[in-house]
Amino acid sequence: MAEKQSSTKSAKSTKSTLGLVPPARTSEKTAAARPKAPRPPRPRFRLTRRATILLLAVCAVVVTIAYPLQEYLAQRSQLAAIDAQNSALSNKVTSLQQQIGLWNDPGYVAAQVRSQLHYVLPGEEGFTLPGTTIGSEQLGMPAPTASPWYDTLWGTVKSPGASSSSSSAGPSTGR
């Protein structure tokens, strides 16, 4: 019994005059008395009414703006394409105007007539060298074909879509 009195005295001595236990000793006793139980996980994201209304308002604004913004961007790209086409056409117009300026010069016209049409001035002798023509035909004469004219004709009957160059120039005589 003496032991009980000494333990109650030590318990009474730890209490203050008001009967309160100091906080340091209380936490030691409660920690030893209760084992720590795992707490249930709290939801990390909780959607409140204000947040829901704000989210709906933002979605409504995005949906309202999406189509006009898409149309605006499409029109800007069309405008850029038209500007590029316009600049290309203006460059072509400039080059054609320069060619018109050249053709208005009588000296340039005479040089082109002499070189392309093989014209000569009165008193000059004109000549051409064989094999120096630009095209595949020499002086407007059709090139001879290896096959006779009736083979070409029969080939057009068999496959009407395929036409040879000799059929457009007319039939050649095999004499």
N, C-alpha and C. Protein backbone atom coordinates (compact mmCIF):
# COMPACT_ATOMS: atom_id res chain seq x y z
N MET A 1 0.80 -1.17 0.00
CA MET A 1 0.00 0.00 0.00
C MET A 1 0.85 1.25 0.00
N ALA A 2 1.96 1.13 0.53
CA ALA A 2 2.88 2.25 0.56
C ALA A 2 3.33 2.61 -0.84
N GLU A 3 3.38 1.58 -1.65
CA GLU A 3 3.79 1.83 -3.03
C GLU A 3 2.72 2.62 -3.75
N LYS A 4 1.45 2.30 -3.49
CA LYS A 4 0.36 3.00 -4.15
C LYS A 4 0.34 4.45 -3.74
N GLN A 5 0.62 4.70 -2.49
CA GLN A 5 0.62 6.07 -2.02
C GLN A 5 1.76 6.86 -2.64
N SER A 6 2.89 6.20 -2.79
CA SER A 6 4.01 6.92 -3.40
C SER A 6 3.73 7.20 -4.87
N SER A 7 3.03 6.28 -5.58
CA SER A 7 2.73 6.53 -6.98
C SER A 7 1.65 7.59 -7.11
N THR A 8 0.72 7.66 -6.22
CA THR A 8 -0.29 8.71 -6.25
C THR A 8 0.32 10.04 -5.87
N LYS A 9 1.28 10.02 -4.95
CA LYS A 9 1.96 11.26 -4.61
C LYS A 9 2.73 11.80 -5.80
N SER A 10 3.39 10.86 -6.56
CA SER A 10 4.14 11.33 -7.73
C SER A 10 3.17 11.83 -8.78
N ALA A 11 1.99 11.22 -8.89
CA ALA A 11 1.00 11.69 -9.84
C ALA A 11 0.45 13.02 -9.40
N LYS A 12 0.26 13.18 -8.07
CA LYS A 12 -0.26 14.45 -7.58
C LYS A 12 0.78 15.53 -7.70
N SER A 13 2.03 15.14 -7.55
CA SER A 13 3.06 16.15 -7.65
C SER A 13 3.22 16.64 -9.08
N THR A 14 2.87 15.82 -10.07
CA THR A 14 2.98 16.26 -11.45
C THR A 14 1.84 17.18 -11.84
N LYS A 15 0.76 17.12 -11.11
CA LYS A 15 -0.37 18.00 -11.42
C LYS A 15 -0.10 19.37 -10.84
N SER A 16 -0.64 20.33 -11.51
CA SER A 16 -0.47 21.69 -11.01
C SER A 16 -1.52 21.95 -9.93
N THR A 17 -1.52 23.11 -9.40
CA THR A 17 -2.46 23.45 -8.34
C THR A 17 -3.89 23.47 -8.87
N LEU A 18 -4.04 23.67 -10.16
CA LEU A 18 -5.39 23.67 -10.74
C LEU A 18 -5.82 22.26 -11.14
N GLY A 19 -4.93 21.26 -11.07
CA GLY A 19 -5.27 19.89 -11.42
C GLY A 19 -4.99 19.56 -12.87
N LEU A 20 -4.19 20.37 -13.55
CA LEU A 20 -3.89 20.13 -14.96
C LEU A 20 -2.56 19.42 -15.10
N VAL A 21 -2.45 18.60 -16.12
CA VAL A 21 -1.21 17.87 -16.39
C VAL A 21 -0.42 18.69 -17.42
N PRO A 22 0.89 18.82 -17.25
CA PRO A 22 1.68 19.55 -18.25
C PRO A 22 1.59 18.87 -19.61
N PRO A 23 1.67 19.63 -20.69
CA PRO A 23 1.45 19.08 -22.03
C PRO A 23 2.50 18.07 -22.46
N ALA A 24 3.74 18.21 -22.09
CA ALA A 24 4.78 17.28 -22.53
C ALA A 24 4.51 15.89 -22.03
N ARG A 25 4.09 15.77 -20.78
CA ARG A 25 3.84 14.45 -20.21
C ARG A 25 2.54 13.86 -20.74
N THR A 26 1.59 14.69 -21.08
CA THR A 26 0.32 14.19 -21.58
C THR A 26 0.50 13.52 -22.93
N SER A 27 1.31 14.12 -23.79
CA SER A 27 1.52 13.54 -25.13
C SER A 27 2.27 12.23 -25.03
N GLU A 28 3.17 12.11 -24.07
CA GLU A 28 3.91 10.86 -23.89
C GLU A 28 2.96 9.75 -23.45
N LYS A 29 2.03 10.08 -22.56
CA LYS A 29 1.12 9.06 -22.06
C LYS A 29 0.11 8.66 -23.13
N THR A 30 -0.39 9.63 -23.89
CA THR A 30 -1.40 9.32 -24.90
C THR A 30 -0.78 8.58 -26.07
N ALA A 31 0.46 8.89 -26.42
CA ALA A 31 1.13 8.21 -27.53
C ALA A 31 1.41 6.77 -27.16
N ALA A 32 1.75 6.54 -25.92
CA ALA A 32 2.03 5.17 -25.49
C ALA A 32 0.74 4.40 -25.32
N ALA A 33 -0.34 5.09 -24.97
CA ALA A 33 -1.60 4.41 -24.70
C ALA A 33 -2.31 3.99 -25.99
N ARG A 34 -2.27 4.86 -27.04
CA ARG A 34 -3.00 4.58 -28.27
C ARG A 34 -2.03 4.29 -29.42
N PRO A 35 -2.25 3.18 -30.09
CA PRO A 35 -1.44 2.97 -31.30
C PRO A 35 -1.98 3.84 -32.44
N LYS A 36 -1.10 4.24 -33.34
CA LYS A 36 -1.51 5.10 -34.45
C LYS A 36 -2.26 4.27 -35.49
N ALA A 37 -3.47 4.66 -35.79
CA ALA A 37 -4.29 3.97 -36.79
C ALA A 37 -4.17 4.75 -38.11
N PRO A 38 -4.16 4.04 -39.21
CA PRO A 38 -4.07 4.75 -40.49
C PRO A 38 -5.34 5.56 -40.73
N ARG A 39 -5.13 6.79 -41.16
CA ARG A 39 -6.27 7.67 -41.43
C ARG A 39 -6.81 7.36 -42.83
N PRO A 40 -8.09 7.49 -43.00
CA PRO A 40 -8.63 7.30 -44.36
C PRO A 40 -8.15 8.46 -45.25
N PRO A 41 -7.82 8.16 -46.50
CA PRO A 41 -7.31 9.24 -47.38
C PRO A 41 -8.39 10.28 -47.65
N ARG A 42 -7.98 11.52 -47.57
CA ARG A 42 -8.89 12.61 -47.87
C ARG A 42 -8.91 12.84 -49.38
N PRO A 43 -10.03 13.18 -49.91
CA PRO A 43 -10.05 13.47 -51.36
C PRO A 43 -9.19 14.70 -51.64
N ARG A 44 -8.31 14.55 -52.63
CA ARG A 44 -7.37 15.64 -52.92
C ARG A 44 -8.04 16.81 -53.62
N PHE A 45 -8.95 16.48 -54.54
CA PHE A 45 -9.59 17.55 -55.30
C PHE A 45 -11.08 17.50 -55.02
N ARG A 46 -11.55 18.55 -54.45
CA ARG A 46 -12.96 18.62 -54.14
C ARG A 46 -13.54 19.80 -54.89
N LEU A 47 -14.52 19.51 -55.73
CA LEU A 47 -15.11 20.52 -56.59
C LEU A 47 -16.25 21.20 -55.85
N THR A 48 -16.09 22.49 -55.66
CA THR A 48 -17.13 23.25 -54.98
C THR A 48 -18.09 23.81 -56.01
N ARG A 49 -19.16 24.40 -55.56
CA ARG A 49 -20.14 24.99 -56.47
C ARG A 49 -19.53 26.15 -57.26
N ARG A 50 -18.76 26.96 -56.58
CA ARG A 50 -18.14 28.10 -57.28
C ARG A 50 -17.19 27.62 -58.37
N ALA A 51 -16.41 26.60 -58.03
CA ALA A 51 -15.48 26.07 -59.03
C ALA A 51 -16.22 25.46 -60.20
N THR A 52 -17.33 24.78 -59.94
CA THR A 52 -18.13 24.19 -61.01
C THR A 52 -18.71 25.27 -61.91
N ILE A 53 -19.24 26.31 -61.35
CA ILE A 53 -19.81 27.41 -62.13
C ILE A 53 -18.72 28.09 -62.95
N LEU A 54 -17.58 28.31 -62.34
CA LEU A 54 -16.47 28.93 -63.06
C LEU A 54 -16.01 28.05 -64.22
N LEU A 55 -15.92 26.74 -63.99
CA LEU A 55 -15.52 25.81 -65.04
C LEU A 55 -16.53 25.81 -66.18
N LEU A 56 -17.80 25.80 -65.88
CA LEU A 56 -18.83 25.86 -66.92
C LEU A 56 -18.78 27.16 -67.69
N ALA A 57 -18.52 28.26 -67.02
CA ALA A 57 -18.43 29.56 -67.70
C ALA A 57 -17.23 29.59 -68.64
N VAL A 58 -16.10 29.06 -68.20
CA VAL A 58 -14.91 29.02 -69.06
C VAL A 58 -15.15 28.14 -70.28
N CYS A 59 -15.79 26.99 -70.07
CA CYS A 59 -16.11 26.11 -71.20
C CYS A 59 -17.05 26.79 -72.19
N ALA A 60 -18.03 27.51 -71.68
CA ALA A 60 -18.97 28.22 -72.56
C ALA A 60 -18.25 29.29 -73.38
N VAL A 61 -17.33 29.99 -72.77
CA VAL A 61 -16.57 31.02 -73.49
C VAL A 61 -15.69 30.38 -74.56
N VAL A 62 -15.05 29.27 -74.23
CA VAL A 62 -14.18 28.59 -75.21
C VAL A 62 -15.00 28.09 -76.39
N VAL A 63 -16.16 27.49 -76.12
CA VAL A 63 -17.00 26.99 -77.20
C VAL A 63 -17.53 28.15 -78.04
N THR A 64 -17.85 29.25 -77.41
CA THR A 64 -18.37 30.40 -78.14
C THR A 64 -17.30 31.03 -79.03
N ILE A 65 -16.07 31.04 -78.61
CA ILE A 65 -14.99 31.70 -79.35
C ILE A 65 -14.33 30.77 -80.37
N ALA A 66 -14.44 29.47 -80.23
CA ALA A 66 -13.69 28.52 -81.06
C ALA A 66 -14.01 28.68 -82.54
N TYR A 67 -15.26 28.67 -82.94
CA TYR A 67 -15.61 28.73 -84.36
C TYR A 67 -15.20 30.05 -85.01
N PRO A 68 -15.51 31.21 -84.42
CA PRO A 68 -15.05 32.46 -85.05
C PRO A 68 -13.53 32.54 -85.15
N LEU A 69 -12.82 32.01 -84.16
CA LEU A 69 -11.36 32.03 -84.21
C LEU A 69 -10.86 31.13 -85.34
N GLN A 70 -11.48 30.00 -85.52
CA GLN A 70 -11.11 29.10 -86.62
C GLN A 70 -11.35 29.78 -87.97
N GLU A 71 -12.48 30.42 -88.13
CA GLU A 71 -12.78 31.13 -89.38
C GLU A 71 -11.79 32.27 -89.62
N TYR A 72 -11.45 32.98 -88.58
CA TYR A 72 -10.49 34.08 -88.71
C TYR A 72 -9.14 33.55 -89.18
N LEU A 73 -8.67 32.47 -88.58
CA LEU A 73 -7.38 31.91 -88.99
C LEU A 73 -7.42 31.37 -90.41
N ALA A 74 -8.54 30.77 -90.81
CA ALA A 74 -8.68 30.26 -92.18
C ALA A 74 -8.66 31.42 -93.18
N GLN A 75 -9.33 32.50 -92.85
CA GLN A 75 -9.35 33.66 -93.75
C GLN A 75 -7.97 34.30 -93.84
N ARG A 76 -7.24 34.31 -92.74
CA ARG A 76 -5.88 34.87 -92.78
C ARG A 76 -4.98 34.04 -93.70
N SER A 77 -5.12 32.71 -93.64
CA SER A 77 -4.29 31.87 -94.51
C SER A 77 -4.70 32.04 -95.97
N GLN A 78 -5.99 32.19 -96.23
CA GLN A 78 -6.44 32.45 -97.60
C GLN A 78 -5.91 33.79 -98.09
N LEU A 79 -5.92 34.77 -97.24
CA LEU A 79 -5.41 36.08 -97.60
C LEU A 79 -3.92 36.04 -97.91
N ALA A 80 -3.17 35.27 -97.13
CA ALA A 80 -1.74 35.13 -97.39
C ALA A 80 -1.50 34.43 -98.72
N ALA A 81 -2.31 33.41 -99.03
CA ALA A 81 -2.16 32.71 -100.31
C ALA A 81 -2.50 33.63 -101.48
N ILE A 82 -3.52 34.43 -101.32
CA ILE A 82 -3.91 35.37 -102.39
C ILE A 82 -2.84 36.44 -102.56
N ASP A 83 -2.25 36.90 -101.47
CA ASP A 83 -1.16 37.88 -101.58
C ASP A 83 0.04 37.30 -102.33
N ALA A 84 0.37 36.04 -102.04
CA ALA A 84 1.49 35.40 -102.75
C ALA A 84 1.17 35.25 -104.23
N GLN A 85 -0.06 34.87 -104.54
CA GLN A 85 -0.47 34.74 -105.94
C GLN A 85 -0.46 36.10 -106.63
N ASN A 86 -0.88 37.12 -105.92
CA ASN A 86 -0.90 38.47 -106.48
C ASN A 86 0.52 38.95 -106.79
N SER A 87 1.45 38.69 -105.90
CA SER A 87 2.83 39.13 -106.15
C SER A 87 3.44 38.36 -107.32
N ALA A 88 3.11 37.05 -107.45
CA ALA A 88 3.62 36.27 -108.58
C ALA A 88 3.05 36.82 -109.90
N LEU A 89 1.76 37.15 -109.88
CA LEU A 89 1.15 37.70 -111.10
C LEU A 89 1.71 39.08 -111.43
N SER A 90 1.99 39.89 -110.43
CA SER A 90 2.56 41.21 -110.72
C SER A 90 3.97 41.08 -111.29
N ASN A 91 4.74 40.08 -110.83
CA ASN A 91 6.06 39.84 -111.43
C ASN A 91 5.93 39.40 -112.88
N LYS A 92 4.93 38.56 -113.16
CA LYS A 92 4.71 38.11 -114.54
C LYS A 92 4.28 39.27 -115.42
N VAL A 93 3.42 40.15 -114.91
CA VAL A 93 2.99 41.33 -115.67
C VAL A 93 4.18 42.22 -115.99
N THR A 94 5.08 42.39 -115.01
CA THR A 94 6.26 43.21 -115.23
C THR A 94 7.14 42.63 -116.33
N SER A 95 7.34 41.30 -116.31
CA SER A 95 8.18 40.70 -117.34
C SER A 95 7.52 40.78 -118.71
N LEU A 96 6.19 40.62 -118.76
CA LEU A 96 5.49 40.74 -120.05
C LEU A 96 5.54 42.18 -120.58
N GLN A 97 5.46 43.15 -119.69
CA GLN A 97 5.58 44.54 -120.13
C GLN A 97 6.97 44.83 -120.67
N GLN A 98 7.99 44.21 -120.08
CA GLN A 98 9.34 44.37 -120.62
C GLN A 98 9.44 43.73 -122.00
N GLN A 99 8.79 42.58 -122.21
CA GLN A 99 8.81 41.96 -123.53
C GLN A 99 8.08 42.82 -124.55
N ILE A 100 6.97 43.45 -124.14
CA ILE A 100 6.26 44.36 -125.04
C ILE A 100 7.16 45.52 -125.44
N GLY A 101 7.90 46.02 -124.46
CA GLY A 101 8.85 47.09 -124.75
C GLY A 101 9.91 46.65 -125.76
N LEU A 102 10.37 45.40 -125.65
CA LEU A 102 11.33 44.90 -126.64
C LEU A 102 10.71 44.77 -128.02
N TRP A 103 9.49 44.28 -128.09
CA TRP A 103 8.85 44.09 -129.39
C TRP A 103 8.45 45.42 -130.03
N ASN A 104 8.38 46.49 -129.26
CA ASN A 104 8.11 47.81 -129.83
C ASN A 104 9.35 48.38 -130.51
N ASP A 105 10.49 47.82 -130.26
CA ASP A 105 11.74 48.26 -130.88
C ASP A 105 11.88 47.61 -132.26
N PRO A 106 11.96 48.41 -133.35
CA PRO A 106 12.05 47.83 -134.70
C PRO A 106 13.32 46.99 -134.90
N GLY A 107 14.40 47.32 -134.27
CA GLY A 107 15.65 46.55 -134.41
C GLY A 107 15.51 45.15 -133.81
N TYR A 108 14.84 45.05 -132.67
CA TYR A 108 14.62 43.75 -132.02
C TYR A 108 13.71 42.88 -132.88
N VAL A 109 12.66 43.51 -133.46
CA VAL A 109 11.74 42.76 -134.31
C VAL A 109 12.47 42.22 -135.54
N ALA A 110 13.32 43.04 -136.14
CA ALA A 110 14.07 42.60 -137.33
C ALA A 110 15.01 41.45 -136.97
N ALA A 111 15.66 41.54 -135.83
CA ALA A 111 16.57 40.46 -135.42
C ALA A 111 15.81 39.16 -135.17
N GLN A 112 14.63 39.25 -134.57
CA GLN A 112 13.84 38.04 -134.32
C GLN A 112 13.32 37.43 -135.61
N VAL A 113 12.91 38.27 -136.56
CA VAL A 113 12.42 37.77 -137.85
C VAL A 113 13.55 37.07 -138.59
N ARG A 114 14.71 37.63 -138.56
CA ARG A 114 15.84 37.02 -139.27
C ARG A 114 16.25 35.70 -138.63
N SER A 115 16.24 35.63 -137.30
CA SER A 115 16.71 34.41 -136.63
C SER A 115 15.65 33.31 -136.60
N GLN A 116 14.39 33.65 -136.40
CA GLN A 116 13.37 32.62 -136.25
C GLN A 116 12.71 32.23 -137.57
N LEU A 117 12.49 33.20 -138.45
CA LEU A 117 11.80 32.92 -139.71
C LEU A 117 12.76 32.78 -140.89
N HIS A 118 14.04 32.97 -140.65
CA HIS A 118 15.08 32.86 -141.69
C HIS A 118 14.84 33.84 -142.84
N TYR A 119 14.39 35.03 -142.56
CA TYR A 119 14.23 36.06 -143.57
C TYR A 119 15.58 36.71 -143.82
N VAL A 120 15.75 37.18 -145.03
CA VAL A 120 16.97 37.91 -145.39
C VAL A 120 16.57 39.23 -146.02
N LEU A 121 17.45 40.18 -145.92
CA LEU A 121 17.21 41.49 -146.54
C LEU A 121 17.49 41.38 -148.04
N PRO A 122 16.91 42.29 -148.80
CA PRO A 122 17.18 42.26 -150.24
C PRO A 122 18.68 42.43 -150.50
N GLY A 123 19.21 41.61 -151.38
CA GLY A 123 20.62 41.67 -151.71
C GLY A 123 21.46 40.68 -150.91
N GLU A 124 20.91 40.06 -149.88
CA GLU A 124 21.65 39.07 -149.10
C GLU A 124 21.28 37.67 -149.56
N GLU A 125 22.17 36.74 -149.32
CA GLU A 125 21.88 35.34 -149.62
C GLU A 125 21.63 34.60 -148.31
N GLY A 126 20.52 33.88 -148.26
CA GLY A 126 20.21 33.14 -147.06
C GLY A 126 20.56 31.66 -147.22
N PHE A 127 21.06 31.06 -146.19
CA PHE A 127 21.37 29.63 -146.23
C PHE A 127 21.17 29.05 -144.83
N THR A 128 20.90 27.77 -144.81
CA THR A 128 20.77 27.06 -143.54
C THR A 128 21.64 25.82 -143.60
N LEU A 129 22.18 25.47 -142.47
CA LEU A 129 23.01 24.28 -142.38
C LEU A 129 22.14 23.10 -141.97
N PRO A 130 22.34 21.96 -142.58
CA PRO A 130 21.52 20.80 -142.19
C PRO A 130 21.87 20.34 -140.77
N GLY A 131 20.85 19.94 -140.03
CA GLY A 131 21.05 19.44 -138.67
C GLY A 131 21.17 20.52 -137.62
N THR A 132 20.99 21.77 -137.97
CA THR A 132 21.10 22.84 -136.98
C THR A 132 19.74 23.42 -136.60
N THR A 133 18.67 22.71 -136.99
CA THR A 133 17.35 23.24 -136.65
C THR A 133 17.06 22.98 -135.18
N ILE A 134 16.19 23.80 -134.64
CA ILE A 134 15.86 23.70 -133.22
C ILE A 134 14.87 22.57 -132.98
N GLY A 135 13.85 22.44 -133.81
CA GLY A 135 12.82 21.43 -133.62
C GLY A 135 13.23 20.09 -134.21
N SER A 136 12.30 19.12 -134.14
CA SER A 136 12.58 17.80 -134.69
C SER A 136 12.34 17.77 -136.19
N GLU A 137 11.58 18.73 -136.72
CA GLU A 137 11.30 18.77 -138.15
C GLU A 137 12.21 19.80 -138.81
N GLN A 138 12.67 19.46 -139.99
CA GLN A 138 13.54 20.37 -140.71
C GLN A 138 12.72 21.21 -141.67
N LEU A 139 12.75 22.49 -141.48
CA LEU A 139 12.11 23.47 -142.35
C LEU A 139 10.65 23.14 -142.64
N GLY A 140 9.93 22.71 -141.65
CA GLY A 140 8.50 22.46 -141.80
C GLY A 140 8.16 21.15 -142.46
N MET A 141 9.12 20.32 -142.77
CA MET A 141 8.85 19.03 -143.40
C MET A 141 8.62 17.99 -142.29
N PRO A 142 7.61 17.13 -142.44
CA PRO A 142 7.39 16.11 -141.42
C PRO A 142 8.51 15.07 -141.43
N ALA A 143 8.80 14.54 -140.28
CA ALA A 143 9.84 13.52 -140.17
C ALA A 143 9.31 12.21 -140.72
N PRO A 144 10.13 11.47 -141.46
CA PRO A 144 9.66 10.20 -142.02
C PRO A 144 9.42 9.18 -140.91
N THR A 145 8.41 8.36 -141.11
CA THR A 145 8.08 7.33 -140.13
C THR A 145 8.61 5.99 -140.61
N ALA A 146 8.86 5.11 -139.67
CA ALA A 146 9.38 3.80 -140.01
C ALA A 146 8.28 2.87 -140.48
N SER A 147 7.05 3.09 -140.03
CA SER A 147 5.95 2.20 -140.42
C SER A 147 5.13 2.83 -141.54
N PRO A 148 4.54 2.00 -142.38
CA PRO A 148 3.70 2.56 -143.46
C PRO A 148 2.42 3.18 -142.90
N TRP A 149 1.76 3.93 -143.74
CA TRP A 149 0.60 4.69 -143.29
C TRP A 149 -0.55 3.81 -142.86
N TYR A 150 -0.73 2.64 -143.46
CA TYR A 150 -1.86 1.78 -143.12
C TYR A 150 -1.66 1.14 -141.74
N ASP A 151 -0.39 0.93 -141.32
CA ASP A 151 -0.17 0.44 -139.96
C ASP A 151 -0.56 1.49 -138.93
N THR A 152 -0.25 2.72 -139.22
CA THR A 152 -0.63 3.82 -138.33
C THR A 152 -2.15 3.94 -138.26
N LEU A 153 -2.81 3.80 -139.39
CA LEU A 153 -4.27 3.87 -139.43
C LEU A 153 -4.88 2.73 -138.64
N TRP A 154 -4.37 1.52 -138.81
CA TRP A 154 -4.90 0.37 -138.08
C TRP A 154 -4.64 0.51 -136.58
N GLY A 155 -3.52 1.10 -136.19
CA GLY A 155 -3.22 1.33 -134.77
C GLY A 155 -4.22 2.29 -134.14
N THR A 156 -4.69 3.27 -134.90
CA THR A 156 -5.69 4.20 -134.35
C THR A 156 -7.05 3.55 -134.25
N VAL A 157 -7.33 2.56 -135.09
CA VAL A 157 -8.61 1.84 -135.01
C VAL A 157 -8.59 0.94 -133.78
N LYS A 158 -7.46 0.28 -133.52
CA LYS A 158 -7.36 -0.62 -132.37
C LYS A 158 -7.45 0.14 -131.06
N SER A 159 -6.72 1.23 -130.94
CA SER A 159 -6.75 2.04 -129.71
C SER A 159 -6.92 3.50 -130.11
N PRO A 160 -8.18 3.98 -130.12
CA PRO A 160 -8.42 5.35 -130.61
C PRO A 160 -7.83 6.44 -129.73
N GLY A 161 -7.54 6.16 -128.48
CA GLY A 161 -6.98 7.19 -127.59
C GLY A 161 -5.53 7.50 -127.92
N ALA A 162 -4.81 6.54 -128.45
CA ALA A 162 -3.38 6.75 -128.75
C ALA A 162 -3.26 7.25 -130.17
N SER A 163 -2.77 8.45 -130.31
CA SER A 163 -2.56 9.00 -131.64
C SER A 163 -1.08 9.30 -131.81
N SER A 164 -0.56 8.98 -132.95
CA SER A 164 0.86 9.24 -133.19
C SER A 164 1.03 10.58 -133.87
N SER A 165 2.25 11.05 -133.90
CA SER A 165 2.52 12.36 -134.49
C SER A 165 2.33 12.35 -136.00
N SER A 166 2.50 11.19 -136.65
CA SER A 166 2.36 11.15 -138.10
C SER A 166 0.90 11.18 -138.51
N SER A 167 -0.02 10.73 -137.64
CA SER A 167 -1.44 10.77 -137.99
C SER A 167 -1.97 12.20 -137.96
N SER A 168 -1.41 13.04 -137.13
CA SER A 168 -1.86 14.43 -137.07
C SER A 168 -1.29 15.23 -138.23
N ALA A 169 -0.15 14.82 -138.78
CA ALA A 169 0.45 15.54 -139.90
C ALA A 169 -0.13 15.08 -141.22
N GLY A 170 -0.91 14.02 -141.21
CA GLY A 170 -1.51 13.50 -142.43
C GLY A 170 -0.80 12.23 -142.83
N PRO A 171 -1.45 11.46 -143.65
CA PRO A 171 -0.83 10.19 -144.06
C PRO A 171 0.34 10.43 -145.01
N SER A 172 1.36 9.63 -144.81
CA SER A 172 2.50 9.75 -145.71
C SER A 172 2.38 8.68 -146.77
N THR A 173 2.79 9.00 -147.94
CA THR A 173 2.73 8.04 -149.03
C THR A 173 3.98 7.23 -149.06
N GLY A 174 3.82 5.97 -149.29
CA GLY A 174 4.98 5.08 -149.30
C GLY A 174 5.55 4.91 -150.68
N ARG A 175 5.56 5.87 -151.59
CA ARG A 175 6.06 5.76 -152.96
C ARG A 175 7.48 6.05 -153.07
